[in-house]
Full PDB file with SEQRES, HELIX, SHEET, SSBOND, CRYST1, ORIGX, SCALE, CONECT and MASTER records, all heavy atoms in Angstrom:
SEQRES   1 A   37  ILE ILE SER GLN HIS GLN LEU THR PRO GLU LEU MET GLU          
SEQRES   2 A   37  PRO ILE SER ARG ALA ALA HIS VAL ILE PHE ILE ASP SER          
SEQRES   3 A   37  SER VAL SER GLY ARG ALA GLY LYS VAL ASN ARG                  
HELIX    1 AA1 PRO A    9  LEU A   11  5                                   3    
HELIX    2 AA2 MET A   12  ARG A   17  1                                   6    
CRYST1    1.000    1.000    1.000  90.00  90.00  90.00 P 1           1          
ORIGX1      1.000000  0.000000  0.000000        0.00000                         
ORIGX2      0.000000  1.000000  0.000000        0.00000                         
ORIGX3      0.000000  0.000000  1.000000        0.00000                         
SCALE1      1.000000  0.000000  0.000000        0.00000                         
SCALE2      0.000000  1.000000  0.000000        0.00000                         
SCALE3      0.000000  0.000000  1.000000        0.00000                         
ATOM      1  N   ILE A   1      -6.735  -2.186 -11.181  1.00  0.00           N  
ATOM      2  CA  ILE A   1      -5.647  -3.042 -10.710  1.00  0.00           C  
ATOM      3  C   ILE A   1      -4.368  -2.215 -10.611  1.00  0.00           C  
ATOM      4  O   ILE A   1      -3.980  -1.549 -11.573  1.00  0.00           O  
ATOM      5  CB  ILE A   1      -5.441  -4.240 -11.654  1.00  0.00           C  
ATOM      6  CG1 ILE A   1      -6.738  -5.053 -11.752  1.00  0.00           C  
ATOM      7  CG2 ILE A   1      -4.265  -5.104 -11.184  1.00  0.00           C  
ATOM      8  CD1 ILE A   1      -6.726  -6.136 -12.806  1.00  0.00           C  
ATOM      9  N   ILE A   2      -3.742  -2.277  -9.435  1.00  0.00           N  
ATOM     10  CA  ILE A   2      -2.498  -1.554  -9.180  1.00  0.00           C  
ATOM     11  C   ILE A   2      -1.446  -2.562  -8.739  1.00  0.00           C  
ATOM     12  O   ILE A   2      -1.708  -3.386  -7.854  1.00  0.00           O  
ATOM     13  CB  ILE A   2      -2.685  -0.487  -8.079  1.00  0.00           C  
ATOM     14  CG1 ILE A   2      -3.703   0.561  -8.509  1.00  0.00           C  
ATOM     15  CG2 ILE A   2      -1.350   0.158  -7.716  1.00  0.00           C  
ATOM     16  CD1 ILE A   2      -4.080   1.553  -7.405  1.00  0.00           C  
ATOM     17  N   SER A   3      -0.270  -2.501  -9.333  1.00  0.00           N  
ATOM     18  CA  SER A   3       0.857  -3.315  -8.868  1.00  0.00           C  
ATOM     19  C   SER A   3       1.958  -2.356  -8.416  1.00  0.00           C  
ATOM     20  O   SER A   3       2.293  -1.413  -9.133  1.00  0.00           O  
ATOM     21  CB  SER A   3       1.347  -4.260  -9.961  1.00  0.00           C  
ATOM     22  OG  SER A   3       1.533  -3.598 -11.175  1.00  0.00           O  
ATOM     23  N   GLN A   4       2.457  -2.601  -7.200  1.00  0.00           N  
ATOM     24  CA  GLN A   4       3.468  -1.720  -6.615  1.00  0.00           C  
ATOM     25  C   GLN A   4       4.486  -2.546  -5.851  1.00  0.00           C  
ATOM     26  O   GLN A   4       4.198  -3.664  -5.432  1.00  0.00           O  
ATOM     27  CB  GLN A   4       2.823  -0.727  -5.637  1.00  0.00           C  
ATOM     28  CG  GLN A   4       1.919   0.246  -6.301  1.00  0.00           C  
ATOM     29  CD  GLN A   4       1.740   1.524  -5.504  1.00  0.00           C  
ATOM     30  OE1 GLN A   4       1.110   2.403  -6.011  1.00  0.00           O  
ATOM     31  NE2 GLN A   4       2.261   1.659  -4.317  1.00  0.00           N  
ATOM     32  N   HIS A   5       5.662  -1.949  -5.635  1.00  0.00           N  
ATOM     33  CA  HIS A   5       6.695  -2.627  -4.861  1.00  0.00           C  
ATOM     34  C   HIS A   5       6.375  -2.615  -3.374  1.00  0.00           C  
ATOM     35  O   HIS A   5       6.767  -3.523  -2.646  1.00  0.00           O  
ATOM     36  CB  HIS A   5       8.062  -1.999  -5.120  1.00  0.00           C  
ATOM     37  CG  HIS A   5       8.561  -2.297  -6.496  1.00  0.00           C  
ATOM     38  ND1 HIS A   5       9.518  -3.244  -6.744  1.00  0.00           N  
ATOM     39  CD2 HIS A   5       8.205  -1.808  -7.703  1.00  0.00           C  
ATOM     40  CE1 HIS A   5       9.744  -3.312  -8.044  1.00  0.00           C  
ATOM     41  NE2 HIS A   5       8.955  -2.448  -8.640  1.00  0.00           N  
ATOM     42  N   GLN A   6       5.691  -1.575  -2.906  1.00  0.00           N  
ATOM     43  CA  GLN A   6       5.300  -1.497  -1.501  1.00  0.00           C  
ATOM     44  C   GLN A   6       4.067  -0.612  -1.371  1.00  0.00           C  
ATOM     45  O   GLN A   6       3.734   0.144  -2.278  1.00  0.00           O  
ATOM     46  CB  GLN A   6       6.430  -0.967  -0.632  1.00  0.00           C  
ATOM     47  CG  GLN A   6       6.814   0.472  -0.920  1.00  0.00           C  
ATOM     48  CD  GLN A   6       8.044   0.894  -0.126  1.00  0.00           C  
ATOM     49  OE1 GLN A   6       8.959   0.112   0.074  1.00  0.00           O  
ATOM     50  NE2 GLN A   6       8.051   2.126   0.322  1.00  0.00           N  
ATOM     51  N   LEU A   7       3.399  -0.730  -0.253  1.00  0.00           N  
ATOM     52  CA  LEU A   7       2.238   0.113   0.019  1.00  0.00           C  
ATOM     53  C   LEU A   7       2.714   1.515   0.372  1.00  0.00           C  
ATOM     54  O   LEU A   7       3.710   1.685   1.075  1.00  0.00           O  
ATOM     55  CB  LEU A   7       1.428  -0.469   1.174  1.00  0.00           C  
ATOM     56  CG  LEU A   7       0.816  -1.843   0.932  1.00  0.00           C  
ATOM     57  CD1 LEU A   7       0.133  -2.348   2.192  1.00  0.00           C  
ATOM     58  CD2 LEU A   7      -0.150  -1.818  -0.236  1.00  0.00           C  
ATOM     59  N   THR A   8       1.979   2.506  -0.124  1.00  0.00           N  
ATOM     60  CA  THR A   8       2.325   3.907   0.136  1.00  0.00           C  
ATOM     61  C   THR A   8       1.065   4.674   0.521  1.00  0.00           C  
ATOM     62  O   THR A   8      -0.055   4.284   0.166  1.00  0.00           O  
ATOM     63  CB  THR A   8       2.948   4.567  -1.114  1.00  0.00           C  
ATOM     64  OG1 THR A   8       1.980   4.553  -2.170  1.00  0.00           O  
ATOM     65  CG2 THR A   8       4.217   3.846  -1.559  1.00  0.00           C  
ATOM     66  N   PRO A   9       1.224   5.790   1.249  1.00  0.00           N  
ATOM     67  CA  PRO A   9       0.055   6.576   1.656  1.00  0.00           C  
ATOM     68  C   PRO A   9      -0.791   7.072   0.485  1.00  0.00           C  
ATOM     69  O   PRO A   9      -1.988   7.280   0.637  1.00  0.00           O  
ATOM     70  CB  PRO A   9       0.667   7.757   2.418  1.00  0.00           C  
ATOM     71  CG  PRO A   9       1.993   7.249   2.893  1.00  0.00           C  
ATOM     72  CD  PRO A   9       2.465   6.298   1.827  1.00  0.00           C  
ATOM     73  N   GLU A  10      -0.194   7.228  -0.688  1.00  0.00           N  
ATOM     74  CA  GLU A  10      -0.944   7.704  -1.858  1.00  0.00           C  
ATOM     75  C   GLU A  10      -2.072   6.756  -2.253  1.00  0.00           C  
ATOM     76  O   GLU A  10      -2.993   7.143  -2.973  1.00  0.00           O  
ATOM     77  CB  GLU A  10       0.001   7.905  -3.053  1.00  0.00           C  
ATOM     78  CG  GLU A  10       0.979   9.032  -2.892  1.00  0.00           C  
ATOM     79  CD  GLU A  10       2.190   8.696  -2.012  1.00  0.00           C  
ATOM     80  OE1 GLU A  10       2.404   7.517  -1.679  1.00  0.00           O  
ATOM     81  OE2 GLU A  10       2.915   9.632  -1.639  1.00  0.00           O  
ATOM     82  N   LEU A  11      -2.023   5.530  -1.787  1.00  0.00           N  
ATOM     83  CA  LEU A  11      -3.077   4.562  -2.107  1.00  0.00           C  
ATOM     84  C   LEU A  11      -4.392   4.834  -1.374  1.00  0.00           C  
ATOM     85  O   LEU A  11      -5.432   4.304  -1.739  1.00  0.00           O  
ATOM     86  CB  LEU A  11      -2.598   3.144  -1.796  1.00  0.00           C  
ATOM     87  CG  LEU A  11      -1.495   2.623  -2.704  1.00  0.00           C  
ATOM     88  CD1 LEU A  11      -0.895   1.346  -2.141  1.00  0.00           C  
ATOM     89  CD2 LEU A  11      -2.031   2.398  -4.104  1.00  0.00           C  
ATOM     90  N   MET A  12      -4.363   5.685  -0.355  1.00  0.00           N  
ATOM     91  CA  MET A  12      -5.595   5.984   0.393  1.00  0.00           C  
ATOM     92  C   MET A  12      -6.678   6.571  -0.505  1.00  0.00           C  
ATOM     93  O   MET A  12      -7.858   6.259  -0.333  1.00  0.00           O  
ATOM     94  CB  MET A  12      -5.302   6.945   1.539  1.00  0.00           C  
ATOM     95  CG  MET A  12      -4.561   6.322   2.675  1.00  0.00           C  
ATOM     96  SD  MET A  12      -4.367   7.533   3.992  1.00  0.00           S  
ATOM     97  CE  MET A  12      -2.635   7.361   4.307  1.00  0.00           C  
ATOM     98  N   GLU A  13      -6.295   7.393  -1.442  1.00  0.00           N  
ATOM     99  CA  GLU A  13      -7.294   8.033  -2.312  1.00  0.00           C  
ATOM    100  C   GLU A  13      -8.006   7.013  -3.193  1.00  0.00           C  
ATOM    101  O   GLU A  13      -9.247   6.945  -3.173  1.00  0.00           O  
ATOM    102  CB  GLU A  13      -6.639   9.156  -3.130  1.00  0.00           C  
ATOM    103  CG  GLU A  13      -7.639  10.057  -3.827  1.00  0.00           C  
ATOM    104  CD  GLU A  13      -8.077   9.520  -5.176  1.00  0.00           C  
ATOM    105  OE1 GLU A  13      -7.257   8.860  -5.847  1.00  0.00           O  
ATOM    106  OE2 GLU A  13      -9.241   9.745  -5.549  1.00  0.00           O  
ATOM    107  N   PRO A  14      -7.303   6.163  -3.967  1.00  0.00           N  
ATOM    108  CA  PRO A  14      -8.060   5.170  -4.741  1.00  0.00           C  
ATOM    109  C   PRO A  14      -8.796   4.164  -3.853  1.00  0.00           C  
ATOM    110  O   PRO A  14      -9.873   3.685  -4.227  1.00  0.00           O  
ATOM    111  CB  PRO A  14      -7.000   4.486  -5.611  1.00  0.00           C  
ATOM    112  CG  PRO A  14      -5.680   4.887  -5.074  1.00  0.00           C  
ATOM    113  CD  PRO A  14      -5.878   6.149  -4.298  1.00  0.00           C  
ATOM    114  N   ILE A  15      -8.260   3.865  -2.674  1.00  0.00           N  
ATOM    115  CA  ILE A  15      -8.965   2.978  -1.743  1.00  0.00           C  
ATOM    116  C   ILE A  15     -10.298   3.602  -1.349  1.00  0.00           C  
ATOM    117  O   ILE A  15     -11.325   2.921  -1.300  1.00  0.00           O  
ATOM    118  CB  ILE A  15      -8.088   2.686  -0.502  1.00  0.00           C  
ATOM    119  CG1 ILE A  15      -6.948   1.734  -0.889  1.00  0.00           C  
ATOM    120  CG2 ILE A  15      -8.917   2.117   0.641  1.00  0.00           C  
ATOM    121  CD1 ILE A  15      -5.886   1.551   0.185  1.00  0.00           C  
ATOM    122  N   SER A  16     -10.298   4.895  -1.113  1.00  0.00           N  
ATOM    123  CA  SER A  16     -11.537   5.575  -0.681  1.00  0.00           C  
ATOM    124  C   SER A  16     -12.613   5.564  -1.758  1.00  0.00           C  
ATOM    125  O   SER A  16     -13.789   5.727  -1.453  1.00  0.00           O  
ATOM    126  CB  SER A  16     -11.230   7.019  -0.272  1.00  0.00           C  
ATOM    127  OG  SER A  16     -10.997   7.835  -1.400  1.00  0.00           O  
ATOM    128  N   ARG A  17     -12.237   5.369  -3.006  1.00  0.00           N  
ATOM    129  CA  ARG A  17     -13.205   5.365  -4.110  1.00  0.00           C  
ATOM    130  C   ARG A  17     -13.785   3.985  -4.383  1.00  0.00           C  
ATOM    131  O   ARG A  17     -14.701   3.846  -5.176  1.00  0.00           O  
ATOM    132  CB  ARG A  17     -12.552   5.886  -5.389  1.00  0.00           C  
ATOM    133  CG  ARG A  17     -12.213   7.354  -5.368  1.00  0.00           C  
ATOM    134  CD  ARG A  17     -11.683   7.851  -6.709  1.00  0.00           C  
ATOM    135  NE  ARG A  17     -10.270   7.540  -6.887  1.00  0.00           N  
ATOM    136  CZ  ARG A  17      -9.774   6.660  -7.755  1.00  0.00           C  
ATOM    137  NH1 ARG A  17     -10.567   6.011  -8.557  1.00  0.00           N  
ATOM    138  NH2 ARG A  17      -8.474   6.443  -7.839  1.00  0.00           N  
ATOM    139  N   ALA A  18     -13.247   2.954  -3.758  1.00  0.00           N  
ATOM    140  CA  ALA A  18     -13.650   1.579  -4.065  1.00  0.00           C  
ATOM    141  C   ALA A  18     -14.740   1.080  -3.117  1.00  0.00           C  
ATOM    142  O   ALA A  18     -14.828   1.509  -1.966  1.00  0.00           O  
ATOM    143  CB  ALA A  18     -12.436   0.659  -3.970  1.00  0.00           C  
ATOM    144  N   ALA A  19     -15.548   0.153  -3.614  1.00  0.00           N  
ATOM    145  CA  ALA A  19     -16.507  -0.542  -2.766  1.00  0.00           C  
ATOM    146  C   ALA A  19     -15.843  -1.735  -2.083  1.00  0.00           C  
ATOM    147  O   ALA A  19     -16.207  -2.123  -0.978  1.00  0.00           O  
ATOM    148  CB  ALA A  19     -17.695  -1.020  -3.595  1.00  0.00           C  
ATOM    149  N   HIS A  20     -14.868  -2.328  -2.745  1.00  0.00           N  
ATOM    150  CA  HIS A  20     -14.140  -3.483  -2.209  1.00  0.00           C  
ATOM    151  C   HIS A  20     -12.687  -3.386  -2.638  1.00  0.00           C  
ATOM    152  O   HIS A  20     -12.402  -3.073  -3.790  1.00  0.00           O  
ATOM    153  CB  HIS A  20     -14.763  -4.781  -2.734  1.00  0.00           C  
ATOM    154  CG  HIS A  20     -14.193  -6.003  -2.098  1.00  0.00           C  
ATOM    155  ND1 HIS A  20     -13.490  -6.937  -2.799  1.00  0.00           N  
ATOM    156  CD2 HIS A  20     -14.206  -6.441  -0.819  1.00  0.00           C  
ATOM    157  CE1 HIS A  20     -13.107  -7.902  -1.985  1.00  0.00           C  
ATOM    158  NE2 HIS A  20     -13.527  -7.617  -0.774  1.00  0.00           N  
ATOM    159  N   VAL A  21     -11.775  -3.656  -1.703  1.00  0.00           N  
ATOM    160  CA  VAL A  21     -10.346  -3.647  -2.008  1.00  0.00           C  
ATOM    161  C   VAL A  21      -9.784  -5.025  -1.717  1.00  0.00           C  
ATOM    162  O   VAL A  21     -10.073  -5.624  -0.670  1.00  0.00           O  
ATOM    163  CB  VAL A  21      -9.573  -2.599  -1.174  1.00  0.00           C  
ATOM    164  CG1 VAL A  21      -8.081  -2.655  -1.478  1.00  0.00           C  
ATOM    165  CG2 VAL A  21     -10.098  -1.213  -1.435  1.00  0.00           C  
ATOM    166  N   ILE A  22      -8.972  -5.510  -2.650  1.00  0.00           N  
ATOM    167  CA  ILE A  22      -8.268  -6.773  -2.471  1.00  0.00           C  
ATOM    168  C   ILE A  22      -6.779  -6.462  -2.463  1.00  0.00           C  
ATOM    169  O   ILE A  22      -6.238  -5.944  -3.446  1.00  0.00           O  
ATOM    170  CB  ILE A  22      -8.592  -7.760  -3.610  1.00  0.00           C  
ATOM    171  CG1 ILE A  22     -10.076  -8.101  -3.599  1.00  0.00           C  
ATOM    172  CG2 ILE A  22      -7.726  -9.019  -3.490  1.00  0.00           C  
ATOM    173  CD1 ILE A  22     -10.531  -8.920  -4.797  1.00  0.00           C  
ATOM    174  N   PHE A  23      -6.133  -6.744  -1.333  1.00  0.00           N  
ATOM    175  CA  PHE A  23      -4.685  -6.623  -1.220  1.00  0.00           C  
ATOM    176  C   PHE A  23      -4.091  -8.005  -1.446  1.00  0.00           C  
ATOM    177  O   PHE A  23      -4.641  -9.003  -0.952  1.00  0.00           O  
ATOM    178  CB  PHE A  23      -4.286  -6.150   0.184  1.00  0.00           C  
ATOM    179  CG  PHE A  23      -4.732  -4.757   0.533  1.00  0.00           C  
ATOM    180  CD1 PHE A  23      -5.943  -4.533   1.176  1.00  0.00           C  
ATOM    181  CD2 PHE A  23      -3.924  -3.662   0.247  1.00  0.00           C  
ATOM    182  CE1 PHE A  23      -6.346  -3.257   1.524  1.00  0.00           C  
ATOM    183  CE2 PHE A  23      -4.324  -2.375   0.588  1.00  0.00           C  
ATOM    184  CZ  PHE A  23      -5.533  -2.173   1.228  1.00  0.00           C  
ATOM    185  N   ILE A  24      -2.964  -8.078  -2.153  1.00  0.00           N  
ATOM    186  CA  ILE A  24      -2.313  -9.359  -2.403  1.00  0.00           C  
ATOM    187  C   ILE A  24      -0.824  -9.188  -2.126  1.00  0.00           C  
ATOM    188  O   ILE A  24      -0.178  -8.295  -2.675  1.00  0.00           O  
ATOM    189  CB  ILE A  24      -2.523  -9.836  -3.857  1.00  0.00           C  
ATOM    190  CG1 ILE A  24      -4.016  -9.850  -4.197  1.00  0.00           C  
ATOM    191  CG2 ILE A  24      -1.899 -11.217  -4.058  1.00  0.00           C  
ATOM    192  CD1 ILE A  24      -4.314  -9.982  -5.673  1.00  0.00           C  
ATOM    193  N   ASP A  25      -0.279 -10.060  -1.273  1.00  0.00           N  
ATOM    194  CA  ASP A  25       1.117  -9.951  -0.861  1.00  0.00           C  
ATOM    195  C   ASP A  25       1.683 -11.341  -0.587  1.00  0.00           C  
ATOM    196  O   ASP A  25       0.941 -12.302  -0.400  1.00  0.00           O  
ATOM    197  CB  ASP A  25       1.199  -9.094   0.410  1.00  0.00           C  
ATOM    198  CG  ASP A  25       2.614  -8.692   0.796  1.00  0.00           C  
ATOM    199  OD1 ASP A  25       3.525  -8.783  -0.056  1.00  0.00           O  
ATOM    200  OD2 ASP A  25       2.802  -8.283   1.952  1.00  0.00           O  
ATOM    201  N   SER A  26       2.998 -11.408  -0.533  1.00  0.00           N  
ATOM    202  CA  SER A  26       3.668 -12.629  -0.103  1.00  0.00           C  
ATOM    203  C   SER A  26       3.794 -12.591   1.415  1.00  0.00           C  
ATOM    204  O   SER A  26       3.512 -11.577   2.050  1.00  0.00           O  
ATOM    205  CB  SER A  26       5.042 -12.736  -0.751  1.00  0.00           C  
ATOM    206  OG  SER A  26       5.844 -11.658  -0.314  1.00  0.00           O  
ATOM    207  N   SER A  27       4.228 -13.688   1.984  1.00  0.00           N  
ATOM    208  CA  SER A  27       4.403 -13.772   3.429  1.00  0.00           C  
ATOM    209  C   SER A  27       5.622 -14.633   3.716  1.00  0.00           C  
ATOM    210  O   SER A  27       5.917 -15.567   2.966  1.00  0.00           O  
ATOM    211  CB  SER A  27       3.159 -14.400   4.056  1.00  0.00           C  
ATOM    212  OG  SER A  27       3.363 -14.654   5.421  1.00  0.00           O  
ATOM    213  N   VAL A  28       6.307 -14.322   4.793  1.00  0.00           N  
ATOM    214  CA  VAL A  28       7.457 -15.135   5.191  1.00  0.00           C  
ATOM    215  C   VAL A  28       7.046 -16.254   6.138  1.00  0.00           C  
ATOM    216  O   VAL A  28       7.848 -17.135   6.428  1.00  0.00           O  
ATOM    217  CB  VAL A  28       8.577 -14.284   5.843  1.00  0.00           C  
ATOM    218  CG1 VAL A  28       9.155 -13.309   4.849  1.00  0.00           C  
ATOM    219  CG2 VAL A  28       8.080 -13.573   7.083  1.00  0.00           C  
ATOM    220  N   SER A  29       5.809 -16.239   6.628  1.00  0.00           N  
ATOM    221  CA  SER A  29       5.367 -17.288   7.540  1.00  0.00           C  
ATOM    222  C   SER A  29       4.195 -18.052   6.927  1.00  0.00           C  
ATOM    223  O   SER A  29       3.430 -17.520   6.139  1.00  0.00           O  
ATOM    224  CB  SER A  29       4.969 -16.692   8.891  1.00  0.00           C  
ATOM    225  OG  SER A  29       3.900 -15.796   8.739  1.00  0.00           O  
ATOM    226  N   GLY A  30       4.088 -19.300   7.308  1.00  0.00           N  
ATOM    227  CA  GLY A  30       3.032 -20.154   6.795  1.00  0.00           C  
ATOM    228  C   GLY A  30       3.590 -21.188   5.837  1.00  0.00           C  
ATOM    229  O   GLY A  30       4.769 -21.185   5.495  1.00  0.00           O  
ATOM    230  N   ARG A  31       2.718 -22.083   5.420  1.00  0.00           N  
ATOM    231  CA  ARG A  31       3.126 -23.140   4.494  1.00  0.00           C  
ATOM    232  C   ARG A  31       3.323 -22.552   3.102  1.00  0.00           C  
ATOM    233  O   ARG A  31       2.408 -21.945   2.536  1.00  0.00           O  
ATOM    234  CB  ARG A  31       2.068 -24.239   4.459  1.00  0.00           C  
ATOM    235  CG  ARG A  31       2.563 -25.497   3.738  1.00  0.00           C  
ATOM    236  CD  ARG A  31       1.510 -26.539   3.706  1.00  0.00           C  
ATOM    237  NE  ARG A  31       0.576 -26.141   2.645  1.00  0.00           N  
ATOM    238  CZ  ARG A  31      -0.640 -26.604   2.509  1.00  0.00           C  
ATOM    239  NH1 ARG A  31      -1.116 -27.460   3.361  1.00  0.00           N  
ATOM    240  NH2 ARG A  31      -1.409 -26.203   1.517  1.00  0.00           N  
ATOM    241  N   ALA A  32       4.504 -22.727   2.557  1.00  0.00           N  
ATOM    242  CA  ALA A  32       4.835 -22.160   1.251  1.00  0.00           C  
ATOM    243  C   ALA A  32       3.830 -22.620   0.197  1.00  0.00           C  
ATOM    244  O   ALA A  32       3.516 -23.800   0.105  1.00  0.00           O  
ATOM    245  CB  ALA A  32       6.250 -22.546   0.839  1.00  0.00           C  
ATOM    246  N   GLY A  33       3.333 -21.650  -0.555  1.00  0.00           N  
ATOM    247  CA  GLY A  33       2.442 -21.946  -1.656  1.00  0.00           C  
ATOM    248  C   GLY A  33       0.970 -22.030  -1.292  1.00  0.00           C  
ATOM    249  O   GLY A  33       0.131 -22.205  -2.164  1.00  0.00           O  
ATOM    250  N   LYS A  34       0.624 -21.886  -0.031  1.00  0.00           N  
ATOM    251  CA  LYS A  34      -0.785 -21.905   0.373  1.00  0.00           C  
ATOM    252  C   LYS A  34      -1.322 -20.482   0.271  1.00  0.00           C  
ATOM    253  O   LYS A  34      -0.663 -19.534   0.657  1.00  0.00           O  
ATOM    254  CB  LYS A  34      -0.895 -22.405   1.813  1.00  0.00           C  
ATOM    255  CG  LYS A  34      -2.314 -22.465   2.328  1.00  0.00           C  
ATOM    256  CD  LYS A  34      -2.327 -22.935   3.769  1.00  0.00           C  
ATOM    257  CE  LYS A  34      -3.679 -23.060   4.404  1.00  0.00           C  
ATOM    258  NZ  LYS A  34      -4.774 -22.319   3.900  1.00  0.00           N  
ATOM    259  N   VAL A  35      -2.523 -20.335  -0.234  1.00  0.00           N  
ATOM    260  CA  VAL A  35      -3.151 -19.018  -0.312  1.00  0.00           C  
ATOM    261  C   VAL A  35      -3.998 -18.821   0.942  1.00  0.00           C  
ATOM    262  O   VAL A  35      -4.832 -19.660   1.279  1.00  0.00           O  
ATOM    263  CB  VAL A  35      -4.027 -18.875  -1.574  1.00  0.00           C  
ATOM    264  CG1 VAL A  35      -4.727 -17.526  -1.595  1.00  0.00           C  
ATOM    265  CG2 VAL A  35      -3.192 -19.082  -2.826  1.00  0.00           C  
ATOM    266  N   ASN A  36      -3.756 -17.719   1.639  1.00  0.00           N  
ATOM    267  CA  ASN A  36      -4.519 -17.384   2.840  1.00  0.00           C  
ATOM    268  C   ASN A  36      -5.407 -16.185   2.542  1.00  0.00           C  
ATOM    269  O   ASN A  36      -4.946 -15.211   1.955  1.00  0.00           O  
ATOM    270  CB  ASN A  36      -3.575 -17.046   3.993  1.00  0.00           C  
ATOM    271  CG  ASN A  36      -2.677 -18.210   4.335  1.00  0.00           C  
ATOM    272  OD1 ASN A  36      -3.144 -19.268   4.707  1.00  0.00           O  
ATOM    273  ND2 ASN A  36      -1.383 -18.019   4.185  1.00  0.00           N  
ATOM    274  N   ARG A  37      -6.656 -16.257   2.968  1.00  0.00           N  
ATOM    275  CA  ARG A  37      -7.608 -15.159   2.786  1.00  0.00           C  
ATOM    276  C   ARG A  37      -7.935 -14.575   4.147  1.00  0.00           C  
ATOM    277  O   ARG A  37      -8.380 -15.298   5.048  1.00  0.00           O  
ATOM    278  CB  ARG A  37      -8.882 -15.677   2.115  1.00  0.00           C  
ATOM    279  CG  ARG A  37      -9.909 -14.615   1.861  1.00  0.00           C  
ATOM    280  CD  ARG A  37     -11.145 -15.235   1.183  1.00  0.00           C  
ATOM    281  NE  ARG A  37     -12.088 -14.207   0.843  1.00  0.00           N  
ATOM    282  CZ  ARG A  37     -13.024 -13.744   1.676  1.00  0.00           C  
ATOM    283  NH1 ARG A  37     -13.127 -14.220   2.894  1.00  0.00           N  
ATOM    284  NH2 ARG A  37     -13.854 -12.804   1.276  1.00  0.00           N  
TER     285      ARG A  37                                                      
MASTER        0    0    0    2    0    0    0    6  284    1    0    3          
END                                                                             
C-alpha cells in the first residue's frame, strides 16, 4: 500500500512488480460521495 500526494514516474517500478494495481483518487466530477470503479 502506497499513499502519495500525486502520481509520479517512480511508481512504474512497483507497478511492474504487481499482478493487480488499484488506484484510488478523488474526482471533481460526478455525484459527491459515490464510488466509481
